Amino acid sequence: MKNAVLALAMATSGSAVAAESFVPVKDQATFLSLIDGKQLRNFLLGVQLNVGQGGQIDGEAWGWGIKGTWAWQDGYFCCQMSWGGDPTPYNCQLVEARGDDRLRFTVDRGDGDSALFRLQ
């Protein structure tokens, strides 16, 4: 059930922000400068994530723990995570920024569903 709820919420959140102006984040240095000292939050999904400079991910969504690793590859944020102990497939995501407080992650190198996060 967790995966079905998360997939529905991500699909819903992506369509709500489609008309907003986002700029692709093309390199790791820019990505790191955006996330430095901040937590990624998506209130609709109940997600709070810490994406560490050293490649680690930890946080929670709806009370379930999230753990994972990430790397920047060919202009994409690529990660493997587990949510509540259930692994998610390795995926490379397009990252786009709006200002310095919002990031949008789109799975499948920009061809899939999106999730919007506020940086706090």
C-alpha atoms as a PDB file:
ATOM      1  CA  MET A   1       0.000   0.000   0.000  1.00  0.00           C
ATOM      2  CA  LYS A   2       2.853   2.423   0.792  1.00  0.00           C
ATOM      3  CA  ASN A   3       4.186   2.301  -2.766  1.00  0.00           C
ATOM      4  CA  ALA A   4       0.741   2.845  -4.316  1.00  0.00           C
ATOM      5  CA  VAL A   5       0.070   5.869  -2.099  1.00  0.00           C
ATOM      6  CA  LEU A   6       3.493   7.377  -2.817  1.00  0.00           C
ATOM      7  CA  ALA A   7       3.126   6.850  -6.584  1.00  0.00           C
ATOM      8  CA  LEU A   8      -0.312   8.529  -6.574  1.00  0.00           C
ATOM      9  CA  ALA A   9       0.916  11.463  -4.520  1.00  0.00           C
ATOM     10  CA  MET A  10       3.983  11.978  -6.723  1.00  0.00           C
ATOM     11  CA  ALA A  11       1.903  11.920  -9.901  1.00  0.00           C
ATOM     12  CA  THR A  12      -0.538  14.414  -8.398  1.00  0.00           C
ATOM     13  CA  SER A  13       2.126  16.775  -7.114  1.00  0.00           C
ATOM     14  CA  GLY A  14       3.937  16.814 -10.465  1.00  0.00           C
ATOM     15  CA  SER A  15       0.934  17.977 -12.458  1.00  0.00           C
ATOM     16  CA  ALA A  16       0.211  20.839 -10.069  1.00  0.00           C
ATOM     17  CA  VAL A  17       3.554  22.526 -10.769  1.00  0.00           C
ATOM     18  CA  ALA A  18       3.834  21.940 -14.509  1.00  0.00           C
ATOM     19  CA  ALA A  19       3.103  25.564 -15.436  1.00  0.00           C
ATOM     20  CA  GLU A  20       5.723  27.066 -13.087  1.00  0.00           C
ATOM     21  CA  SER A  21       9.105  28.168 -14.378  1.00  0.00           C
ATOM     22  CA  PHE A  22      11.887  25.781 -13.360  1.00  0.00           C
ATOM     23  CA  VAL A  23      15.488  25.739 -14.568  1.00  0.00           C
ATOM     24  CA  PRO A  24      17.413  22.450 -14.943  1.00  0.00           C
ATOM     25  CA  VAL A  25      20.264  21.905 -12.498  1.00  0.00           C
ATOM     26  CA  LYS A  26      23.026  20.719 -14.786  1.00  0.00           C
ATOM     27  CA  ASP A  27      25.941  20.037 -12.459  1.00  0.00           C
ATOM     28  CA  GLN A  28      26.693  18.570  -9.058  1.00  0.00           C
ATOM     29  CA  ALA A  29      28.284  21.766  -7.687  1.00  0.00           C
ATOM     30  CA  THR A  30      25.082  23.748  -8.298  1.00  0.00           C
ATOM     31  CA  PHE A  31      22.972  20.964  -6.766  1.00  0.00           C
ATOM     32  CA  LEU A  32      25.195  20.833  -3.691  1.00  0.00           C
ATOM     33  CA  SER A  33      25.020  24.606  -3.263  1.00  0.00           C
ATOM     34  CA  LEU A  34      21.215  24.438  -3.323  1.00  0.00           C
ATOM     35  CA  ILE A  35      20.877  21.642  -0.736  1.00  0.00           C
ATOM     36  CA  ASP A  36      23.722  22.720   1.565  1.00  0.00           C
ATOM     37  CA  GLY A  37      22.409  22.812   5.137  1.00  0.00           C
ATOM     38  CA  LYS A  38      18.789  22.411   4.037  1.00  0.00           C
ATOM     39  CA  GLN A  39      16.138  19.734   4.292  1.00  0.00           C
ATOM     40  CA  LEU A  40      13.916  18.763   1.353  1.00  0.00           C
ATOM     41  CA  ARG A  41      10.238  18.793   2.328  1.00  0.00           C
ATOM     42  CA  ASN A  42       7.067  17.880   0.522  1.00  0.00           C
ATOM     43  CA  PHE A  43       4.080  18.482   2.768  1.00  0.00           C
ATOM     44  CA  LEU A  44       1.612  16.722   0.444  1.00  0.00           C
ATOM     45  CA  LEU A  45       3.699  13.553   0.561  1.00  0.00           C
ATOM     46  CA  GLY A  46       4.670  13.997   4.205  1.00  0.00           C
ATOM     47  CA  VAL A  47       8.328  13.714   3.166  1.00  0.00           C
ATOM     48  CA  GLN A  48      11.321  15.164   4.974  1.00  0.00           C
ATOM     49  CA  LEU A  49      14.686  14.291   3.418  1.00  0.00           C
ATOM     50  CA  ASN A  50      18.258  15.100   4.226  1.00  0.00           C
ATOM     51  CA  VAL A  51      20.426  14.712   1.127  1.00  0.00           C
ATOM     52  CA  GLY A  52      24.005  14.749   2.320  1.00  0.00           C
ATOM     53  CA  GLN A  53      26.999  16.183   0.523  1.00  0.00           C
ATOM     54  CA  GLY A  54      28.725  12.799   0.841  1.00  0.00           C
ATOM     55  CA  GLY A  55      26.064  10.807  -1.007  1.00  0.00           C
ATOM     56  CA  GLN A  56      23.755   9.711   1.791  1.00  0.00           C
ATOM     57  CA  ILE A  57      19.972  10.165   2.030  1.00  0.00           C
ATOM     58  CA  ASP A  58      17.910   9.865   5.196  1.00  0.00           C
ATOM     59  CA  GLY A  59      14.519  11.034   6.312  1.00  0.00           C
ATOM     60  CA  GLU A  60      10.950   9.883   6.600  1.00  0.00           C
ATOM     61  CA  ALA A  61       7.576   9.875   4.878  1.00  0.00           C
ATOM     62  CA  TRP A  62       4.329   9.321   6.761  1.00  0.00           C
ATOM     63  CA  GLY A  63       6.254   7.940   9.734  1.00  0.00           C
ATOM     64  CA  TRP A  64       8.273   5.423   7.717  1.00  0.00           C
ATOM     65  CA  GLY A  65      12.054   5.792   7.623  1.00  0.00           C
ATOM     66  CA  ILE A  66      13.885   6.520   4.378  1.00  0.00           C
ATOM     67  CA  LYS A  67      17.537   5.574   3.841  1.00  0.00           C
ATOM     68  CA  GLY A  68      19.587   5.625   0.681  1.00  0.00           C
ATOM     69  CA  THR A  69      22.537   6.774  -1.349  1.00  0.00           C
ATOM     70  CA  TRP A  70      22.906   9.104  -4.294  1.00  0.00           C
ATOM     71  CA  ALA A  71      25.453  10.143  -6.908  1.00  0.00           C
ATOM     72  CA  TRP A  72      25.491  12.769  -9.667  1.00  0.00           C
ATOM     73  CA  GLN A  73      25.837  11.038 -13.059  1.00  0.00           C
ATOM     74  CA  ASP A  74      25.746  12.633 -16.518  1.00  0.00           C
ATOM     75  CA  GLY A  75      23.728  15.616 -15.285  1.00  0.00           C
ATOM     76  CA  TYR A  76      21.215  13.600 -13.223  1.00  0.00           C
ATOM     77  CA  PHE A  77      20.600  12.859  -9.543  1.00  0.00           C
ATOM     78  CA  CYS A  78      20.773   9.056  -9.337  1.00  0.00           C
ATOM     79  CA  CYS A  79      19.674   7.289  -6.187  1.00  0.00           C
ATOM     80  CA  GLN A  80      18.734   4.039  -4.514  1.00  0.00           C
ATOM     81  CA  MET A  81      16.550   4.214  -1.414  1.00  0.00           C
ATOM     82  CA  SER A  82      14.476   2.119   0.924  1.00  0.00           C
ATOM     83  CA  TRP A  83      11.276   3.379   2.483  1.00  0.00           C
ATOM     84  CA  GLY A  84      10.102   1.576   5.590  1.00  0.00           C
ATOM     85  CA  GLY A  85      12.465  -1.247   4.649  1.00  0.00           C
ATOM     86  CA  ASP A  86      11.049  -1.627   1.117  1.00  0.00           C
ATOM     87  CA  PRO A  87      13.672  -0.900  -1.579  1.00  0.00           C
ATOM     88  CA  THR A  88      12.923   1.450  -4.446  1.00  0.00           C
ATOM     89  CA  PRO A  89      14.551   0.824  -7.824  1.00  0.00           C
ATOM     90  CA  TYR A  90      17.733   2.704  -8.718  1.00  0.00           C
ATOM     91  CA  ASN A  91      16.690   5.712 -10.775  1.00  0.00           C
ATOM     92  CA  CYS A  92      18.284   8.803 -12.310  1.00  0.00           C
ATOM     93  CA  GLN A  93      16.220  11.956 -11.999  1.00  0.00           C
ATOM     94  CA  LEU A  94      16.173  15.343 -13.648  1.00  0.00           C
ATOM     95  CA  VAL A  95      16.534  18.070 -11.020  1.00  0.00           C
ATOM     96  CA  GLU A  96      15.096  21.532 -11.668  1.00  0.00           C
ATOM     97  CA  ALA A  97      15.190  24.579  -9.419  1.00  0.00           C
ATOM     98  CA  ARG A  98      12.887  27.527  -8.987  1.00  0.00           C
ATOM     99  CA  GLY A  99      14.730  30.185  -7.070  1.00  0.00           C
ATOM    100  CA  ASP A 100      16.791  28.916  -4.177  1.00  0.00           C
ATOM    101  CA  ASP A 101      13.962  27.302  -2.214  1.00  0.00           C
ATOM    102  CA  ARG A 102      12.244  24.791  -4.545  1.00  0.00           C
ATOM    103  CA  LEU A 103      13.474  21.703  -6.335  1.00  0.00           C
ATOM    104  CA  ARG A 104      11.546  19.436  -8.664  1.00  0.00           C
ATOM    105  CA  PHE A 105      12.763  15.864  -9.199  1.00  0.00           C
ATOM    106  CA  THR A 106      11.460  14.007 -12.271  1.00  0.00           C
ATOM    107  CA  VAL A 107      12.178  10.275 -12.451  1.00  0.00           C
ATOM    108  CA  ASP A 108      13.429   8.401 -15.519  1.00  0.00           C
ATOM    109  CA  ARG A 109      15.806  11.213 -16.527  1.00  0.00           C
ATOM    110  CA  GLY A 110      12.920  13.666 -16.825  1.00  0.00           C
ATOM    111  CA  ASP A 111      10.455  11.369 -18.614  1.00  0.00           C
ATOM    112  CA  GLY A 112       8.398  10.206 -15.581  1.00  0.00           C
ATOM    113  CA  ASP A 113       6.486  11.518 -12.604  1.00  0.00           C
ATOM    114  CA  SER A 114       7.673  14.561 -10.672  1.00  0.00           C
ATOM    115  CA  ALA A 115       7.762  15.584  -7.033  1.00  0.00           C
ATOM    116  CA  LEU A 116       8.232  19.130  -5.783  1.00  0.00           C
ATOM    117  CA  PHE A 117      10.266  19.842  -2.671  1.00  0.00           C
ATOM    118  CA  ARG A 118      10.704  22.991  -0.639  1.00  0.00           C
ATOM    119  CA  LEU A 119      14.198  23.587   0.746  1.00  0.00           C
ATOM    120  CA  GLN A 120      14.133  24.569   4.412  1.00  0.00           C
END
